[in-house]
Amino acid sequence: MIRFALTLLFFLGLSLGVGFLLSGDDSFDWAIAGGLFAFATAGELLRWWVRRRPRKNSARQSSGI
């Protein structure tokens, strides 16, 4: 759980940095920063879900050849 939180914190900082670098002089680009963070969060949740899924027993599914 700590790795998950640290990864999201890293991607939050990275997305805020990219949003700051791509923003103009007048305002911060929240759409880019939020979109990047949402993409990173979705990827981390997908990785977490794949790792938690129960694995099937491959020996039972073998054809025996």
Protein backbone atom coordinates (compact mmCIF):
# COMPACT_ATOMS: atom_id res chain seq x y z
CA MET A 1 0.00 0.00 0.00
CA ILE A 2 2.91 2.34 0.72
CA ARG A 3 4.36 1.65 -2.75
CA PHE A 4 0.98 2.54 -4.28
CA ALA A 5 0.81 5.82 -2.35
CA LEU A 6 4.41 6.76 -3.20
CA THR A 7 3.83 6.01 -6.87
CA LEU A 8 0.72 8.19 -6.96
CA LEU A 9 2.58 10.95 -5.12
CA PHE A 10 5.41 10.75 -7.67
CA PHE A 11 2.96 10.92 -10.60
CA LEU A 12 1.13 13.82 -8.95
CA GLY A 13 4.36 15.80 -8.76
CA LEU A 14 5.31 14.84 -12.29
CA SER A 15 1.92 15.82 -13.72
CA LEU A 16 1.95 19.14 -11.84
CA GLY A 17 5.44 19.82 -13.19
CA VAL A 18 4.38 19.08 -16.76
CA GLY A 19 1.26 21.20 -16.31
CA PHE A 20 3.41 24.06 -15.04
CA LEU A 21 5.90 23.75 -17.90
CA LEU A 22 3.19 23.66 -20.57
CA SER A 23 1.10 26.47 -19.11
CA GLY A 24 1.23 29.94 -20.48
CA ASP A 25 1.99 33.16 -18.66
CA ASP A 26 -1.60 33.73 -17.55
CA SER A 27 -2.68 30.52 -15.80
CA PHE A 28 -1.77 26.97 -14.83
CA ASP A 29 -2.88 24.25 -17.27
CA TRP A 30 -5.08 22.12 -15.00
CA ALA A 31 -6.51 20.09 -17.86
CA ILE A 32 -3.15 18.65 -18.88
CA ALA A 33 -2.04 18.05 -15.30
CA GLY A 34 -5.34 16.44 -14.32
CA GLY A 35 -5.44 14.30 -17.44
CA LEU A 36 -1.91 13.03 -16.91
CA PHE A 37 -2.63 12.25 -13.27
CA ALA A 38 -5.88 10.47 -14.17
CA PHE A 39 -4.03 8.40 -16.78
CA ALA A 40 -1.33 7.45 -14.26
CA THR A 41 -3.92 6.61 -11.60
CA ALA A 42 -5.83 4.38 -14.02
CA GLY A 43 -2.62 2.60 -14.95
CA GLU A 44 -1.68 2.01 -11.33
CA LEU A 45 -5.16 0.74 -10.48
CA LEU A 46 -5.02 -1.63 -13.45
CA ARG A 47 -1.60 -2.89 -12.33
CA TRP A 48 -2.90 -3.38 -8.77
CA TRP A 49 -6.00 -5.23 -10.03
CA VAL A 50 -3.96 -7.57 -12.26
CA ARG A 51 -1.60 -8.42 -9.41
CA ARG A 52 -4.46 -9.14 -6.97
CA ARG A 53 -6.45 -11.36 -9.34
CA PRO A 54 -6.30 -15.02 -8.38
CA ARG A 55 -4.14 -17.00 -10.75
CA LYS A 56 -5.55 -20.03 -12.49
CA ASN A 57 -3.87 -23.37 -11.99
CA SER A 58 -2.01 -23.92 -15.25
CA ALA A 59 -1.25 -27.56 -14.42
CA ARG A 60 -4.96 -28.45 -14.55
CA GLN A 61 -5.36 -26.81 -17.94
CA SER A 62 -2.42 -28.63 -19.48
CA SER A 63 -3.20 -31.11 -22.23
CA GLY A 64 -0.69 -33.59 -20.79
CA ILE A 65 1.28 -33.91 -24.01
